């Protein structure tokens, strides 16, 4: 009865961004889970209850990004790749 979010965080050239912080939050319950990307910029967050989520990304030297309205259904393995732009983390 769970779903998985996975993907890659990359810079504008397509190179993976290591140690980026990924926070996934249920828009319905407020449940939040955080992970960091591996050396290639990949992440995987499993055991997420079905629902609607937002995904926030922060990495040193890059502007923060957020994607909202990600619908996860039971058994989904949804891939969400995000390209970061150089900038302040607080953008």
PDB file of N, CA and C in Angstrom:
ATOM      1  N   UNK A   1       0.816  -1.200   0.000  1.00  0.00           N
ATOM      2  CA  UNK A   1       0.000   0.000   0.000  1.00  0.00           C
ATOM      3  C   UNK A   1       0.861   1.266   0.000  1.00  0.00           C
ATOM      4  N   UNK A   2       2.051   1.170  -0.582  1.00  0.00           N
ATOM      5  CA  UNK A   2       2.968   2.305  -0.604  1.00  0.00           C
ATOM      6  C   UNK A   2       3.417   2.641  -2.018  1.00  0.00           C
ATOM      7  N   UNK A   3       4.056   3.818  -2.138  1.00  0.00           N
ATOM      8  CA  UNK A   3       4.594   4.277  -3.411  1.00  0.00           C
ATOM      9  C   UNK A   3       6.033   4.737  -3.189  1.00  0.00           C
ATOM     10  N   UNK A   4       6.745   4.963  -4.306  1.00  0.00           N
ATOM     11  CA  UNK A   4       8.143   5.389  -4.264  1.00  0.00           C
ATOM     12  C   UNK A   4       8.346   6.576  -5.185  1.00  0.00           C
ATOM     13  N   UNK A   5       9.117   7.565  -4.714  1.00  0.00           N
ATOM     14  CA  UNK A   5       9.585   8.670  -5.554  1.00  0.00           C
ATOM     15  C   UNK A   5      11.075   8.457  -5.781  1.00  0.00           C
ATOM     16  N   UNK A   6      11.514   8.640  -7.018  1.00  0.00           N
ATOM     17  CA  UNK A   6      12.922   8.502  -7.328  1.00  0.00           C
ATOM     18  C   UNK A   6      13.275   9.430  -8.468  1.00  0.00           C
ATOM     19  N   UNK A   7      14.561   9.668  -8.658  1.00  0.00           N
ATOM     20  CA  UNK A   7      14.973  10.524  -9.758  1.00  0.00           C
ATOM     21  C   UNK A   7      16.394  10.996  -9.600  1.00  0.00           C
ATOM     22  N   UNK A   8      16.729  12.025 -10.362  1.00  0.00           N
ATOM     23  CA  UNK A   8      18.064  12.604 -10.322  1.00  0.00           C
ATOM     24  C   UNK A   8      17.955  14.123 -10.233  1.00  0.00           C
ATOM     25  N   UNK A   9      18.823  14.696  -9.412  1.00  0.00           N
ATOM     26  CA  UNK A   9      18.964  16.142  -9.314  1.00  0.00           C
ATOM     27  C   UNK A   9      20.245  16.485 -10.068  1.00  0.00           C
ATOM     28  N   UNK A  10      20.125  17.378 -11.047  1.00  0.00           N
ATOM     29  CA  UNK A  10      21.264  17.695 -11.911  1.00  0.00           C
ATOM     30  C   UNK A  10      21.425  19.203 -12.033  1.00  0.00           C
ATOM     31  N   UNK A  11      22.612  19.613 -12.507  1.00  0.00           N
ATOM     32  CA  UNK A  11      22.806  21.026 -12.824  1.00  0.00           C
ATOM     33  C   UNK A  11      22.372  21.262 -14.265  1.00  0.00           C
ATOM     34  N   UNK A  12      22.528  22.484 -14.759  1.00  0.00           N
ATOM     35  CA  UNK A  12      22.046  22.801 -16.106  1.00  0.00           C
ATOM     36  C   UNK A  12      22.773  22.040 -17.198  1.00  0.00           C
ATOM     37  N   UNK A  13      23.985  21.541 -16.914  1.00  0.00           N
ATOM     38  CA  UNK A  13      24.721  20.781 -17.917  1.00  0.00           C
ATOM     39  C   UNK A  13      24.322  19.305 -17.920  1.00  0.00           C
ATOM     40  N   UNK A  14      23.511  18.908 -16.928  1.00  0.00           N
ATOM     41  CA  UNK A  14      23.085  17.514 -16.846  1.00  0.00           C
ATOM     42  C   UNK A  14      23.896  16.679 -15.885  1.00  0.00           C
ATOM     43  N   UNK A  15      24.913  17.270 -15.241  1.00  0.00           N
ATOM     44  CA  UNK A  15      25.730  16.540 -14.270  1.00  0.00           C
ATOM     45  C   UNK A  15      24.969  16.409 -12.955  1.00  0.00           C
ATOM     46  N   UNK A  16      25.034  15.231 -12.344  1.00  0.00           N
ATOM     47  CA  UNK A  16      24.350  14.992 -11.078  1.00  0.00           C
ATOM     48  C   UNK A  16      24.895  15.870  -9.968  1.00  0.00           C
ATOM     49  N   UNK A  17      24.012  16.316  -9.081  1.00  0.00           N
ATOM     50  CA  UNK A  17      24.393  17.149  -7.944  1.00  0.00           C
ATOM     51  C   UNK A  17      24.406  16.270  -6.691  1.00  0.00           C
ATOM     52  N   UNK A  18      25.598  16.021  -6.155  1.00  0.00           N
ATOM     53  CA  UNK A  18      25.742  15.190  -4.955  1.00  0.00           C
ATOM     54  C   UNK A  18      25.336  15.976  -3.717  1.00  0.00           C
ATOM     55  N   UNK A  19      24.830  15.272  -2.715  1.00  0.00           N
ATOM     56  CA  UNK A  19      24.496  15.816  -1.396  1.00  0.00           C
ATOM     57  C   UNK A  19      23.409  16.891  -1.431  1.00  0.00           C
ATOM     58  N   UNK A  20      22.552  16.867  -2.450  1.00  0.00           N
ATOM     59  CA  UNK A  20      21.392  17.768  -2.456  1.00  0.00           C
ATOM     60  C   UNK A  20      20.371  17.224  -1.461  1.00  0.00           C
ATOM     61  N   UNK A  21      19.710  18.108  -0.726  1.00  0.00           N
ATOM     62  CA  UNK A  21      18.698  17.697   0.243  1.00  0.00           C
ATOM     63  C   UNK A  21      17.336  17.671  -0.437  1.00  0.00           C
ATOM     64  N   UNK A  22      16.684  16.521  -0.376  1.00  0.00           N
ATOM     65  CA  UNK A  22      15.358  16.321  -0.954  1.00  0.00           C
ATOM     66  C   UNK A  22      14.379  16.152   0.207  1.00  0.00           C
ATOM     67  N   UNK A  23      13.334  16.967   0.242  1.00  0.00           N
ATOM     68  CA  UNK A  23      12.290  16.812   1.262  1.00  0.00           C
ATOM     69  C   UNK A  23      10.967  16.595   0.551  1.00  0.00           C
ATOM     70  N   UNK A  24      10.322  15.480   0.857  1.00  0.00           N
ATOM     71  CA  UNK A  24       9.008  15.186   0.289  1.00  0.00           C
ATOM     72  C   UNK A  24       7.991  15.324   1.410  1.00  0.00           C
ATOM     73  N   UNK A  25       6.908  16.068   1.145  1.00  0.00           N
ATOM     74  CA  UNK A  25       5.897  16.359   2.164  1.00  0.00           C
ATOM     75  C   UNK A  25       4.516  16.041   1.623  1.00  0.00           C
ATOM     76  N   UNK A  26       3.737  15.309   2.409  1.00  0.00           N
ATOM     77  CA  UNK A  26       2.355  15.037   2.037  1.00  0.00           C
ATOM     78  C   UNK A  26       1.557  16.327   2.155  1.00  0.00           C
ATOM     79  N   UNK A  27       0.890  16.729   1.072  1.00  0.00           N
ATOM     80  CA  UNK A  27       0.084  17.940   1.094  1.00  0.00           C
ATOM     81  C   UNK A  27      -1.205  17.733   1.898  1.00  0.00           C
ATOM     82  N   UNK A  28      -1.540  16.470   2.186  1.00  0.00           N
ATOM     83  CA  UNK A  28      -2.769  16.152   2.915  1.00  0.00           C
ATOM     84  C   UNK A  28      -2.528  16.001   4.414  1.00  0.00           C
ATOM     85  N   UNK A  29      -1.409  15.382   4.801  1.00  0.00           N
ATOM     86  CA  UNK A  29      -1.177  15.070   6.219  1.00  0.00           C
ATOM     87  C   UNK A  29      -0.015  15.847   6.828  1.00  0.00           C
ATOM     88  N   UNK A  30       0.855  16.433   5.999  1.00  0.00           N
ATOM     89  CA  UNK A  30       2.025  17.130   6.515  1.00  0.00           C
ATOM     90  C   UNK A  30       3.208  16.218   6.801  1.00  0.00           C
ATOM     91  N   UNK A  31       3.038  14.893   6.609  1.00  0.00           N
ATOM     92  CA  UNK A  31       4.136  13.944   6.793  1.00  0.00           C
ATOM     93  C   UNK A  31       5.302  14.350   5.899  1.00  0.00           C
ATOM     94  N   UNK A  32       6.496  14.463   6.475  1.00  0.00           N
ATOM     95  CA  UNK A  32       7.670  14.862   5.692  1.00  0.00           C
ATOM     96  C   UNK A  32       8.791  13.854   5.877  1.00  0.00           C
ATOM     97  N   UNK A  33       9.502  13.579   4.788  1.00  0.00           N
ATOM     98  CA  UNK A  33      10.673  12.710   4.818  1.00  0.00           C
ATOM     99  C   UNK A  33      11.768  13.406   4.028  1.00  0.00           C
ATOM    100  N   UNK A  34      13.005  13.279   4.507  1.00  0.00           N
ATOM    101  CA  UNK A  34      14.128  13.924   3.833  1.00  0.00           C
ATOM    102  C   UNK A  34      15.244  12.914   3.579  1.00  0.00           C
ATOM    103  N   UNK A  35      15.875  13.064   2.416  1.00  0.00           N
ATOM    104  CA  UNK A  35      17.038  12.253   2.052  1.00  0.00           C
ATOM    105  C   UNK A  35      18.035  13.170   1.350  1.00  0.00           C
ATOM    106  N   UNK A  36      19.249  12.674   1.139  1.00  0.00           N
ATOM    107  CA  UNK A  36      20.219  13.410   0.326  1.00  0.00           C
ATOM    108  C   UNK A  36      20.583  12.565  -0.883  1.00  0.00           C
ATOM    109  N   UNK A  37      20.960  13.245  -1.953  1.00  0.00           N
ATOM    110  CA  UNK A  37      21.324  12.531  -3.174  1.00  0.00           C
ATOM    111  C   UNK A  37      22.683  11.857  -3.013  1.00  0.00           C
ATOM    112  N   UNK A  38      22.893  10.816  -3.799  1.00  0.00           N
ATOM    113  CA  UNK A  38      24.184  10.125  -3.785  1.00  0.00           C
ATOM    114  C   UNK A  38      25.190  10.893  -4.646  1.00  0.00           C
ATOM    115  N   UNK A  39      26.368  10.318  -4.861  1.00  0.00           N
ATOM    116  CA  UNK A  39      27.432  10.996  -5.611  1.00  0.00           C
ATOM    117  C   UNK A  39      27.047  11.318  -7.051  1.00  0.00           C
ATOM    118  N   UNK A  40      26.055  10.607  -7.599  1.00  0.00           N
ATOM    119  CA  UNK A  40      25.607  10.841  -8.977  1.00  0.00           C
ATOM    120  C   UNK A  40      24.356  11.714  -9.045  1.00  0.00           C
ATOM    121  N   UNK A  41      23.881  12.197  -7.887  1.00  0.00           N
ATOM    122  CA  UNK A  41      22.694  13.041  -7.863  1.00  0.00           C
ATOM    123  C   UNK A  41      21.381  12.271  -7.813  1.00  0.00           C
ATOM    124  N   UNK A  42      21.445  10.962  -7.605  1.00  0.00           N
ATOM    125  CA  UNK A  42      20.237  10.140  -7.580  1.00  0.00           C
ATOM    126  C   UNK A  42      19.642  10.087  -6.175  1.00  0.00           C
ATOM    127  N   UNK A  43      18.320   9.957  -6.110  1.00  0.00           N
ATOM    128  CA  UNK A  43      17.635   9.786  -4.833  1.00  0.00           C
ATOM    129  C   UNK A  43      16.513   8.779  -4.994  1.00  0.00           C
ATOM    130  N   UNK A  44      16.085   8.215  -3.855  1.00  0.00           N
ATOM    131  CA  UNK A  44      14.973   7.271  -3.829  1.00  0.00           C
ATOM    132  C   UNK A  44      14.315   7.379  -2.459  1.00  0.00           C
ATOM    133  N   UNK A  45      13.012   7.613  -2.449  1.00  0.00           N
ATOM    134  CA  UNK A  45      12.252   7.693  -1.204  1.00  0.00           C
ATOM    135  C   UNK A  45      11.109   6.697  -1.319  1.00  0.00           C
ATOM    136  N   UNK A  46      11.190   5.631  -0.553  1.00  0.00           N
ATOM    137  CA  UNK A  46      10.178   4.583  -0.610  1.00  0.00           C
ATOM    138  C   UNK A  46       9.240   4.632   0.584  1.00  0.00           C
ATOM    139  N   UNK A  47       8.305   3.694   0.603  1.00  0.00           N
ATOM    140  CA  UNK A  47       7.339   3.530   1.683  1.00  0.00           C
ATOM    141  C   UNK A  47       6.516   4.797   1.947  1.00  0.00           C
ATOM    142  N   UNK A  48       6.131   5.479   0.854  1.00  0.00           N
ATOM    143  CA  UNK A  48       5.275   6.663   0.978  1.00  0.00           C
ATOM    144  C   UNK A  48       3.818   6.232   0.811  1.00  0.00           C
ATOM    145  N   UNK A  49       2.956   6.589   1.771  1.00  0.00           N
ATOM    146  CA  UNK A  49       1.532   6.285   1.594  1.00  0.00           C
ATOM    147  C   UNK A  49       0.987   7.002   0.360  1.00  0.00           C
ATOM    148  N   UNK A  50       0.024   6.401  -0.304  1.00  0.00           N
ATOM    149  CA  UNK A  50      -0.595   7.045  -1.467  1.00  0.00           C
ATOM    150  C   UNK A  50      -1.129   8.413  -1.066  1.00  0.00           C
ATOM    151  N   UNK A  51      -1.024   9.389  -1.984  1.00  0.00           N
ATOM    152  CA  UNK A  51      -1.516  10.728  -1.701  1.00  0.00           C
ATOM    153  C   UNK A  51      -0.891  11.756  -2.629  1.00  0.00           C
ATOM    154  N   UNK A  52      -1.016  13.020  -2.236  1.00  0.00           N
ATOM    155  CA  UNK A  52      -0.488  14.130  -3.035  1.00  0.00           C
ATOM    156  C   UNK A  52       0.684  14.736  -2.265  1.00  0.00           C
ATOM    157  N   UNK A  53       1.808  14.917  -2.951  1.00  0.00           N
ATOM    158  CA  UNK A  53       3.047  15.343  -2.309  1.00  0.00           C
ATOM    159  C   UNK A  53       3.658  16.560  -2.982  1.00  0.00           C
ATOM    160  N   UNK A  54       4.479  17.269  -2.201  1.00  0.00           N
ATOM    161  CA  UNK A  54       5.364  18.286  -2.763  1.00  0.00           C
ATOM    162  C   UNK A  54       6.792  17.813  -2.539  1.00  0.00           C
ATOM    163  N   UNK A  55       7.670  18.207  -3.447  1.00  0.00           N
ATOM    164  CA  UNK A  55       9.074  17.802  -3.409  1.00  0.00           C
ATOM    165  C   UNK A  55       9.920  19.069  -3.447  1.00  0.00           C
ATOM    166  N   UNK A  56      10.721  19.285  -2.395  1.00  0.00           N
ATOM    167  CA  UNK A  56      11.585  20.464  -2.318  1.00  0.00           C
ATOM    168  C   UNK A  56      13.036  20.019  -2.405  1.00  0.00           C
ATOM    169  N   UNK A  57      13.848  20.800  -3.133  1.00  0.00           N
ATOM    170  CA  UNK A  57      15.256  20.470  -3.336  1.00  0.00           C
ATOM    171  C   UNK A  57      16.110  21.670  -2.954  1.00  0.00           C
ATOM    172  N   UNK A  58      17.156  21.415  -2.147  1.00  0.00           N
ATOM    173  CA  UNK A  58      18.127  22.437  -1.784  1.00  0.00           C
ATOM    174  C   UNK A  58      19.522  21.854  -1.972  1.00  0.00           C
ATOM    175  N   UNK A  59      20.429  22.675  -2.532  1.00  0.00           N
ATOM    176  CA  UNK A  59      21.823  22.260  -2.695  1.00  0.00           C
ATOM    177  C   UNK A  59      22.699  23.502  -2.649  1.00  0.00           C
ATOM    178  N   UNK A  60      23.848  23.375  -2.014  1.00  0.00           N
ATOM    179  CA  UNK A  60      24.768  24.502  -1.896  1.00  0.00           C
ATOM    180  C   UNK A  60      25.149  25.026  -3.276  1.00  0.00           C
ATOM    181  N   UNK A  61      25.046  26.346  -3.455  1.00  0.00           N
ATOM    182  CA  UNK A  61      25.410  26.973  -4.714  1.00  0.00           C
ATOM    183  C   UNK A  61      24.312  27.005  -5.756  1.00  0.00           C
ATOM    184  N   UNK A  62      23.136  26.468  -5.424  1.00  0.00           N
ATOM    185  CA  UNK A  62      22.025  26.422  -6.365  1.00  0.00           C
ATOM    186  C   UNK A  62      20.785  27.042  -5.745  1.00  0.00           C
ATOM    187  N   UNK A  63      19.903  27.545  -6.582  1.00  0.00           N
ATOM    188  CA  UNK A  63      18.621  28.039  -6.117  1.00  0.00           C
ATOM    189  C   UNK A  63      17.726  26.871  -5.730  1.00  0.00           C
ATOM    190  N   UNK A  64      16.929  27.054  -4.682  1.00  0.00           N
ATOM    191  CA  UNK A  64      16.001  26.004  -4.246  1.00  0.00           C
ATOM    192  C   UNK A  64      14.895  25.825  -5.282  1.00  0.00           C
ATOM    193  N   UNK A  65      14.380  24.604  -5.369  1.00  0.00           N
ATOM    194  CA  UNK A  65      13.274  24.303  -6.287  1.00  0.00           C
ATOM    195  C   UNK A  65      12.215  23.515  -5.530  1.00  0.00           C
ATOM    196  N   UNK A  66      10.966  23.698  -5.941  1.00  0.00           N
ATOM    197  CA  UNK A  66       9.875  22.926  -5.355  1.00  0.00           C
ATOM    198  C   UNK A  66       8.905  22.522  -6.449  1.00  0.00           C
ATOM    199  N   UNK A  67       8.435  21.299  -6.351  1.00  0.00           N
ATOM    200  CA  UNK A  67       7.421  20.801  -7.276  1.00  0.00           C
ATOM    201  C   UNK A  67       6.254  20.314  -6.434  1.00  0.00           C
ATOM    202  N   UNK A  68       5.069  20.807  -6.737  1.00  0.00           N
ATOM    203  CA  UNK A  68       3.889  20.475  -5.943  1.00  0.00           C
ATOM    204  C   UNK A  68       2.904  19.636  -6.766  1.00  0.00           C
ATOM    205  N   UNK A  69       1.965  19.028  -6.054  1.00  0.00           N
ATOM    206  CA  UNK A  69       0.885  18.313  -6.716  1.00  0.00           C
ATOM    207  C   UNK A  69       1.284  16.980  -7.327  1.00  0.00           C
ATOM    208  N   UNK A  70       2.286  16.324  -6.743  1.00  0.00           N
ATOM    209  CA  UNK A  70       2.707  15.009  -7.248  1.00  0.00           C
ATOM    210  C   UNK A  70       1.766  13.945  -6.684  1.00  0.00           C
ATOM    211  N   UNK A  71       0.982  13.330  -7.547  1.00  0.00           N
ATOM    212  CA  UNK A  71       0.013  12.322  -7.114  1.00  0.00           C
ATOM    213  C   UNK A  71       0.677  10.949  -7.145  1.00  0.00           C
ATOM    214  N   UNK A  72       0.678  10.290  -5.982  1.00  0.00           N
ATOM    215  CA  UNK A  72       1.225   8.937  -5.869  1.00  0.00           C
ATOM    216  C   UNK A  72       0.098   7.967  -5.545  1.00  0.00           C
ATOM    217  N   UNK A  73       0.025   6.898  -6.326  1.00  0.00           N
ATOM    218  CA  UNK A  73      -0.960   5.851  -6.078  1.00  0.00           C
ATOM    219  C   UNK A  73      -0.234   4.616  -5.565  1.00  0.00           C
ATOM    220  N   UNK A  74      -0.962   3.727  -4.933  1.00  0.00           N
ATOM    221  CA  UNK A  74      -0.383   2.506  -4.395  1.00  0.00           C
ATOM    222  C   UNK A  74       0.397   1.772  -5.487  1.00  0.00           C
ATOM    223  N   UNK A  75       1.646   1.421  -5.194  1.00  0.00           N
ATOM    224  CA  UNK A  75       2.476   0.680  -6.130  1.00  0.00           C
ATOM    225  C   UNK A  75       3.240   1.537  -7.124  1.00  0.00           C
ATOM    226  N   UNK A  76       2.977   2.846  -7.160  1.00  0.00           N
ATOM    227  CA  UNK A  76       3.695   3.731  -8.094  1.00  0.00           C
ATOM    228  C   UNK A  76       5.181   3.782  -7.788  1.00  0.00           C
ATOM    229  N   UNK A  77       5.987   3.870  -8.842  1.00  0.00           N
ATOM    230  CA  UNK A  77       7.391   4.249  -8.764  1.00  0.00           C
ATOM    231  C   UNK A  77       7.512   5.448  -9.684  1.00  0.00           C
ATOM    232  N   UNK A  78       7.303   6.622  -9.124  1.00  0.00           N
ATOM    233  CA  UNK A  78       7.259   7.843  -9.931  1.00  0.00           C
ATOM    234  C   UNK A  78       8.624   8.496  -9.985  1.00  0.00           C
ATOM    235  N   UNK A  79       9.072   8.762 -11.207  1.00  0.00           N
ATOM    236  CA  UNK A  79      10.368   9.401 -11.411  1.00  0.00           C
ATOM    237  C   UNK A  79      10.176  10.905 -11.575  1.00  0.00           C
ATOM    238  N   UNK A  80      10.919  11.668 -10.766  1.00  0.00           N
ATOM    239  CA  UNK A  80      10.893  13.123 -10.845  1.00  0.00           C
ATOM    240  C   UNK A  80      12.340  13.606 -10.900  1.00  0.00           C
ATOM    241  N   UNK A  81      12.770  14.022 -12.083  1.00  0.00           N
ATOM    242  CA  UNK A  81      14.114  14.581 -12.273  1.00  0.00           C
ATOM    243  C   UNK A  81      13.999  16.100 -12.236  1.00  0.00           C
ATOM    244  N   UNK A  82      14.957  16.748 -11.572  1.00  0.00           N
ATOM    245  CA  UNK A  82      14.926  18.203 -11.454  1.00  0.00           C
ATOM    246  C   UNK A  82      16.290  18.772 -11.811  1.00  0.00           C
ATOM    247  N   UNK A  83      16.289  19.820 -12.640  1.00  0.00           N
ATOM    248  CA  UNK A  83      17.519  20.537 -12.991  1.00  0.00           C
ATOM    249  C   UNK A  83      17.586  21.805 -12.157  1.00  0.00           C
ATOM    250  N   UNK A  84      18.707  21.993 -11.462  1.00  0.00           N
ATOM    251  CA  UNK A  84      18.907  23.173 -10.624  1.00  0.00           C
ATOM    252  C   UNK A  84      19.664  24.246 -11.391  1.00  0.00           C
ATOM    253  N   UNK A  85      19.366  25.492 -11.039  1.00  0.00           N
ATOM    254  CA  UNK A  85      20.081  26.633 -11.616  1.00  0.00           C
ATOM    255  C   UNK A  85      21.012  27.206 -10.551  1.00  0.00           C
ATOM    256  N   UNK A  86      22.172  27.713 -10.953  1.00  0.00           N
ATOM    257  CA  UNK A  86      23.066  28.344  -9.990  1.00  0.00           C
ATOM    258  C   UNK A  86      22.357  29.512  -9.305  1.00  0.00           C
ATOM    259  N   UNK A  87      22.670  29.719  -8.039  1.00  0.00           N
ATOM    260  CA  UNK A  87      22.065  30.839  -7.319  1.00  0.00           C
ATOM    261  C   UNK A  87      22.149  30.655  -5.836  1.00  0.00           C
ATOM    262  N   UNK A  88      21.456  31.504  -5.114  1.00  0.00           N
ATOM    263  CA  UNK A  88      21.420  31.445  -3.655  1.00  0.00           C
ATOM    264  C   UNK A  88      20.487  30.325  -3.218  1.00  0.00           C
ATOM    265  N   UNK A  89      20.844  29.644  -2.126  1.00  0.00           N
ATOM    266  CA  UNK A  89      20.002  28.578  -1.581  1.00  0.00           C
ATOM    267  C   UNK A  89      18.663  29.133  -1.126  1.00  0.00           C
ATOM    268  N   UNK A  90      18.603  30.394  -0.736  1.00  0.00           N
ATOM    269  CA  UNK A  90      17.373  30.967  -0.212  1.00  0.00           C
ATOM    270  C   UNK A  90      16.428  31.498  -1.285  1.00  0.00           C
ATOM    271  N   UNK A  91      16.757  31.353  -2.558  1.00  0.00           N
ATOM    272  CA  UNK A  91      15.891  31.845  -3.640  1.00  0.00           C
ATOM    273  C   UNK A  91      14.541  31.156  -3.627  1.00  0.00           C
TER     274      UNK A  91
END
